[in-house]
Amino acid sequence: MSLLSRLLLALHLCGLVLMAGATVTDYISFKTFCSMSAAGDSHAQGLLPLMGRYGGLVRTGAVILIFTGIIMVTINNSLWDEIWFKIKLALAILLVLNGVFIGNSLGMKFRKMASGNFIPGGQERHISMQLNRFYLAQLTLFILIIFVSIVRPGKK
């Protein structure tokens, strides 16, 4: 493997770690916010500005991941023939689509709802449950992407 390929792979992994790390941190902040709000802790509102910044980190990681991935595929054209690569690509597309179409929508609803008086129950509880499922789906997709990248089923 050439030096360029190793550098691209290192940057690719940095993008993945940035995306996954920001997602885990956002999920922990979300769960902490919900717990604090349920307990009536007024300090929970202090988490909202912080929670709003994680999306930028996820997007930055995604840009790094996409650009380095495109360059690596351009350099190593044989990846298109690998089953594991096609599986990884499909999982990555699901990850992005879930984030863009479900995560953004739920995140905006949650922040709008949470900026007022957050009372778990009714619609608040429904949105919180949906957002919890979103985070778990994203984290599962990250784990599957890493697993497929390491195991490389069907590698020639």
C-alpha atoms as a PDB file:
ATOM      1  CA  MET A   1       0.000   0.000   0.000  1.00  0.00           C
ATOM      2  CA  SER A   2       1.455   3.346  -1.059  1.00  0.00           C
ATOM      3  CA  LEU A   3       2.029   6.276   1.280  1.00  0.00           C
ATOM      4  CA  LEU A   4      -0.807   8.186  -0.409  1.00  0.00           C
ATOM      5  CA  SER A   5      -3.200   5.281   0.136  1.00  0.00           C
ATOM      6  CA  ARG A   6      -2.223   5.031   3.813  1.00  0.00           C
ATOM      7  CA  LEU A   7      -2.692   8.793   4.303  1.00  0.00           C
ATOM      8  CA  LEU A   8      -6.089   8.677   2.623  1.00  0.00           C
ATOM      9  CA  LEU A   9      -7.123   5.694   4.739  1.00  0.00           C
ATOM     10  CA  ALA A  10      -5.990   7.499   7.908  1.00  0.00           C
ATOM     11  CA  LEU A  11      -8.027  10.583   6.940  1.00  0.00           C
ATOM     12  CA  HIS A  12     -10.971   8.335   6.026  1.00  0.00           C
ATOM     13  CA  LEU A  13     -10.850   6.744   9.470  1.00  0.00           C
ATOM     14  CA  CYS A  14     -10.577  10.192  11.094  1.00  0.00           C
ATOM     15  CA  GLY A  15     -13.781  11.207   9.311  1.00  0.00           C
ATOM     16  CA  LEU A  16     -15.513   8.054  10.533  1.00  0.00           C
ATOM     17  CA  VAL A  17     -14.304   8.568  14.113  1.00  0.00           C
ATOM     18  CA  LEU A  18     -15.420  12.210  14.022  1.00  0.00           C
ATOM     19  CA  MET A  19     -18.890  11.253  12.772  1.00  0.00           C
ATOM     20  CA  ALA A  20     -19.343   8.337  15.168  1.00  0.00           C
ATOM     21  CA  GLY A  21     -17.855  10.216  18.123  1.00  0.00           C
ATOM     22  CA  ALA A  22     -20.087  13.229  17.600  1.00  0.00           C
ATOM     23  CA  THR A  23     -23.109  10.933  17.268  1.00  0.00           C
ATOM     24  CA  VAL A  24     -22.279   9.124  20.527  1.00  0.00           C
ATOM     25  CA  THR A  25     -21.691  12.441  22.311  1.00  0.00           C
ATOM     26  CA  ASP A  26     -24.956  13.841  20.949  1.00  0.00           C
ATOM     27  CA  TYR A  27     -26.821  10.723  22.072  1.00  0.00           C
ATOM     28  CA  ILE A  28     -25.361  10.939  25.583  1.00  0.00           C
ATOM     29  CA  SER A  29     -26.241  14.652  25.762  1.00  0.00           C
ATOM     30  CA  PHE A  30     -29.781  13.883  24.575  1.00  0.00           C
ATOM     31  CA  LYS A  31     -30.233  11.153  27.202  1.00  0.00           C
ATOM     32  CA  THR A  32     -28.785  13.440  29.889  1.00  0.00           C
ATOM     33  CA  PHE A  33     -31.120  16.252  28.837  1.00  0.00           C
ATOM     34  CA  CYS A  34     -34.140  13.927  29.006  1.00  0.00           C
ATOM     35  CA  SER A  35     -33.131  12.606  32.429  1.00  0.00           C
ATOM     36  CA  MET A  36     -32.483  16.060  33.830  1.00  0.00           C
ATOM     37  CA  SER A  37     -35.746  17.406  32.403  1.00  0.00           C
ATOM     38  CA  ALA A  38     -37.730  14.495  33.783  1.00  0.00           C
ATOM     39  CA  ALA A  39     -36.233  15.210  37.199  1.00  0.00           C
ATOM     40  CA  GLY A  40     -37.209  18.879  36.912  1.00  0.00           C
ATOM     41  CA  ASP A  41     -33.599  20.091  36.754  1.00  0.00           C
ATOM     42  CA  SER A  42     -33.560  23.571  35.216  1.00  0.00           C
ATOM     43  CA  HIS A  43     -29.915  23.126  34.191  1.00  0.00           C
ATOM     44  CA  ALA A  44     -31.039  20.802  31.381  1.00  0.00           C
ATOM     45  CA  GLN A  45     -31.671  23.847  29.153  1.00  0.00           C
ATOM     46  CA  GLY A  46     -27.939  24.573  29.303  1.00  0.00           C
ATOM     47  CA  LEU A  47     -27.297  21.470  27.196  1.00  0.00           C
ATOM     48  CA  LEU A  48     -29.333  22.716  24.222  1.00  0.00           C
ATOM     49  CA  PRO A  49     -26.726  25.101  22.729  1.00  0.00           C
ATOM     50  CA  LEU A  50     -24.092  22.379  23.030  1.00  0.00           C
ATOM     51  CA  MET A  51     -26.356  19.768  21.444  1.00  0.00           C
ATOM     52  CA  GLY A  52     -26.954  22.040  18.473  1.00  0.00           C
ATOM     53  CA  ARG A  53     -23.259  21.995  17.562  1.00  0.00           C
ATOM     54  CA  TYR A  54     -22.772  18.252  17.144  1.00  0.00           C
ATOM     55  CA  GLY A  55     -24.409  18.236  13.714  1.00  0.00           C
ATOM     56  CA  GLY A  56     -21.587  20.391  12.379  1.00  0.00           C
ATOM     57  CA  LEU A  57     -19.042  17.852  13.566  1.00  0.00           C
ATOM     58  CA  VAL A  58     -20.993  15.014  11.971  1.00  0.00           C
ATOM     59  CA  ARG A  59     -21.185  16.911   8.676  1.00  0.00           C
ATOM     60  CA  THR A  60     -17.451  17.722   8.772  1.00  0.00           C
ATOM     61  CA  GLY A  61     -16.662  14.050   9.368  1.00  0.00           C
ATOM     62  CA  ALA A  62     -18.990  13.080   6.523  1.00  0.00           C
ATOM     63  CA  VAL A  63     -17.273  15.465   4.098  1.00  0.00           C
ATOM     64  CA  ILE A  64     -13.854  14.048   5.028  1.00  0.00           C
ATOM     65  CA  LEU A  65     -15.208  10.506   4.724  1.00  0.00           C
ATOM     66  CA  ILE A  66     -16.847  11.081   1.341  1.00  0.00           C
ATOM     67  CA  PHE A  67     -13.921  12.909  -0.276  1.00  0.00           C
ATOM     68  CA  THR A  68     -11.283  10.473   0.933  1.00  0.00           C
ATOM     69  CA  GLY A  69     -13.531   7.566  -0.050  1.00  0.00           C
ATOM     70  CA  ILE A  70     -13.987   8.912  -3.573  1.00  0.00           C
ATOM     71  CA  ILE A  71     -10.245   9.431  -3.984  1.00  0.00           C
ATOM     72  CA  MET A  72      -9.449   5.944  -2.646  1.00  0.00           C
ATOM     73  CA  VAL A  73     -11.980   4.330  -5.005  1.00  0.00           C
ATOM     74  CA  THR A  74     -10.538   6.333  -7.910  1.00  0.00           C
ATOM     75  CA  ILE A  75      -7.040   5.107  -7.061  1.00  0.00           C
ATOM     76  CA  ASN A  76      -8.127   1.503  -6.428  1.00  0.00           C
ATOM     77  CA  ASN A  77     -10.812   0.889  -9.043  1.00  0.00           C
ATOM     78  CA  SER A  78     -11.025  -2.840  -8.186  1.00  0.00           C
ATOM     79  CA  LEU A  79     -13.028  -2.010  -5.042  1.00  0.00           C
ATOM     80  CA  TRP A  80     -16.185  -1.873  -7.175  1.00  0.00           C
ATOM     81  CA  ASP A  81     -15.824  -5.619  -7.719  1.00  0.00           C
ATOM     82  CA  GLU A  82     -15.759  -6.416  -3.992  1.00  0.00           C
ATOM     83  CA  ILE A  83     -19.011  -7.518  -2.292  1.00  0.00           C
ATOM     84  CA  TRP A  84     -17.907  -6.134   1.082  1.00  0.00           C
ATOM     85  CA  PHE A  85     -17.388  -2.711  -0.488  1.00  0.00           C
ATOM     86  CA  LYS A  86     -20.889  -2.713  -1.983  1.00  0.00           C
ATOM     87  CA  ILE A  87     -22.344  -3.670   1.421  1.00  0.00           C
ATOM     88  CA  LYS A  88     -20.310  -0.946   3.125  1.00  0.00           C
ATOM     89  CA  LEU A  89     -21.402   1.615   0.556  1.00  0.00           C
ATOM     90  CA  ALA A  90     -25.079   0.676   0.986  1.00  0.00           C
ATOM     91  CA  LEU A  91     -24.758   0.974   4.778  1.00  0.00           C
ATOM     92  CA  ALA A  92     -23.033   4.349   4.440  1.00  0.00           C
ATOM     93  CA  ILE A  93     -25.812   5.605   2.151  1.00  0.00           C
ATOM     94  CA  LEU A  94     -28.405   4.430   4.706  1.00  0.00           C
ATOM     95  CA  LEU A  95     -26.463   6.250   7.423  1.00  0.00           C
ATOM     96  CA  VAL A  96     -26.484   9.515   5.486  1.00  0.00           C
ATOM     97  CA  LEU A  97     -30.124   9.242   4.396  1.00  0.00           C
ATOM     98  CA  ASN A  98     -31.248   8.419   7.950  1.00  0.00           C
ATOM     99  CA  GLY A  99     -29.320  11.426   9.246  1.00  0.00           C
ATOM    100  CA  VAL A 100     -30.552  13.837   6.599  1.00  0.00           C
ATOM    101  CA  PHE A 101     -34.202  12.858   6.394  1.00  0.00           C
ATOM    102  CA  ILE A 102     -35.005  11.510   9.854  1.00  0.00           C
ATOM    103  CA  GLY A 103     -32.344  12.915  12.174  1.00  0.00           C
ATOM    104  CA  ASN A 104     -32.554  16.517  10.991  1.00  0.00           C
ATOM    105  CA  SER A 105     -36.343  16.544  11.155  1.00  0.00           C
ATOM    106  CA  LEU A 106     -36.481  14.977  14.618  1.00  0.00           C
ATOM    107  CA  GLY A 107     -33.642  17.154  15.866  1.00  0.00           C
ATOM    108  CA  MET A 108     -35.437  20.331  14.812  1.00  0.00           C
ATOM    109  CA  LYS A 109     -38.692  19.167  16.423  1.00  0.00           C
ATOM    110  CA  PHE A 110     -36.844  18.224  19.591  1.00  0.00           C
ATOM    111  CA  ARG A 111     -34.955  21.539  19.872  1.00  0.00           C
ATOM    112  CA  LYS A 112     -38.150  23.502  19.204  1.00  0.00           C
ATOM    113  CA  MET A 113     -40.017  21.491  21.810  1.00  0.00           C
ATOM    114  CA  ALA A 114     -37.143  21.552  24.301  1.00  0.00           C
ATOM    115  CA  SER A 115     -36.605  25.299  24.106  1.00  0.00           C
ATOM    116  CA  GLY A 116     -40.006  25.690  25.746  1.00  0.00           C
ATOM    117  CA  ASN A 117     -41.036  23.831  28.853  1.00  0.00           C
ATOM    118  CA  PHE A 118     -39.980  20.229  28.332  1.00  0.00           C
ATOM    119  CA  ILE A 119     -42.382  17.863  30.065  1.00  0.00           C
ATOM    120  CA  PRO A 120     -41.929  14.170  29.246  1.00  0.00           C
ATOM    121  CA  GLY A 121     -45.259  12.739  28.195  1.00  0.00           C
ATOM    122  CA  GLY A 122     -47.598  13.067  25.247  1.00  0.00           C
ATOM    123  CA  GLN A 123     -45.936  14.420  22.112  1.00  0.00           C
ATOM    124  CA  GLU A 124     -42.678  15.139  23.923  1.00  0.00           C
ATOM    125  CA  ARG A 125     -42.367  11.489  24.882  1.00  0.00           C
ATOM    126  CA  HIS A 126     -43.181  10.374  21.327  1.00  0.00           C
ATOM    127  CA  ILE A 127     -40.492  12.620  19.809  1.00  0.00           C
ATOM    128  CA  SER A 128     -37.980  11.534  22.451  1.00  0.00           C
ATOM    129  CA  MET A 129     -38.673   7.865  21.701  1.00  0.00           C
ATOM    130  CA  GLN A 130     -38.297   8.454  17.950  1.00  0.00           C
ATOM    131  CA  LEU A 131     -35.051  10.347  18.485  1.00  0.00           C
ATOM    132  CA  ASN A 132     -33.761   7.561  20.736  1.00  0.00           C
ATOM    133  CA  ARG A 133     -34.521   5.017  17.975  1.00  0.00           C
ATOM    134  CA  PHE A 134     -32.771   7.277  15.448  1.00  0.00           C
ATOM    135  CA  TYR A 135     -29.589   7.410  17.519  1.00  0.00           C
ATOM    136  CA  LEU A 136     -29.624   3.649  18.077  1.00  0.00           C
ATOM    137  CA  ALA A 137     -30.100   3.088  14.333  1.00  0.00           C
ATOM    138  CA  GLN A 138     -27.202   5.421  13.509  1.00  0.00           C
ATOM    139  CA  LEU A 139     -24.914   3.751  16.040  1.00  0.00           C
ATOM    140  CA  THR A 140     -25.895   0.311  14.721  1.00  0.00           C
ATOM    141  CA  LEU A 141     -25.066   1.426  11.180  1.00  0.00           C
ATOM    142  CA  PHE A 142     -21.662   2.721  12.327  1.00  0.00           C
ATOM    143  CA  ILE A 143     -20.911  -0.617  14.009  1.00  0.00           C
ATOM    144  CA  LEU A 144     -22.006  -2.556  10.905  1.00  0.00           C
ATOM    145  CA  ILE A 145     -19.870  -0.355   8.636  1.00  0.00           C
ATOM    146  CA  ILE A 146     -16.826  -0.932  10.835  1.00  0.00           C
ATOM    147  CA  PHE A 147     -17.548  -4.672  11.047  1.00  0.00           C
ATOM    148  CA  VAL A 148     -17.948  -5.047   7.267  1.00  0.00           C
ATOM    149  CA  SER A 149     -14.776  -3.010   6.668  1.00  0.00           C
ATOM    150  CA  ILE A 150     -12.751  -5.258   8.961  1.00  0.00           C
ATOM    151  CA  VAL A 151     -14.228  -8.674   8.089  1.00  0.00           C
ATOM    152  CA  ARG A 152     -14.629  -7.923   4.359  1.00  0.00           C
ATOM    153  CA  PRO A 153     -17.031 -10.738   3.509  1.00  0.00           C
ATOM    154  CA  GLY A 154     -16.523 -12.087   0.001  1.00  0.00           C
ATOM    155  CA  LYS A 155     -13.090 -10.385  -0.341  1.00  0.00           C
ATOM    156  CA  LYS A 156     -11.232 -11.639  -3.401  1.00  0.00           C
END
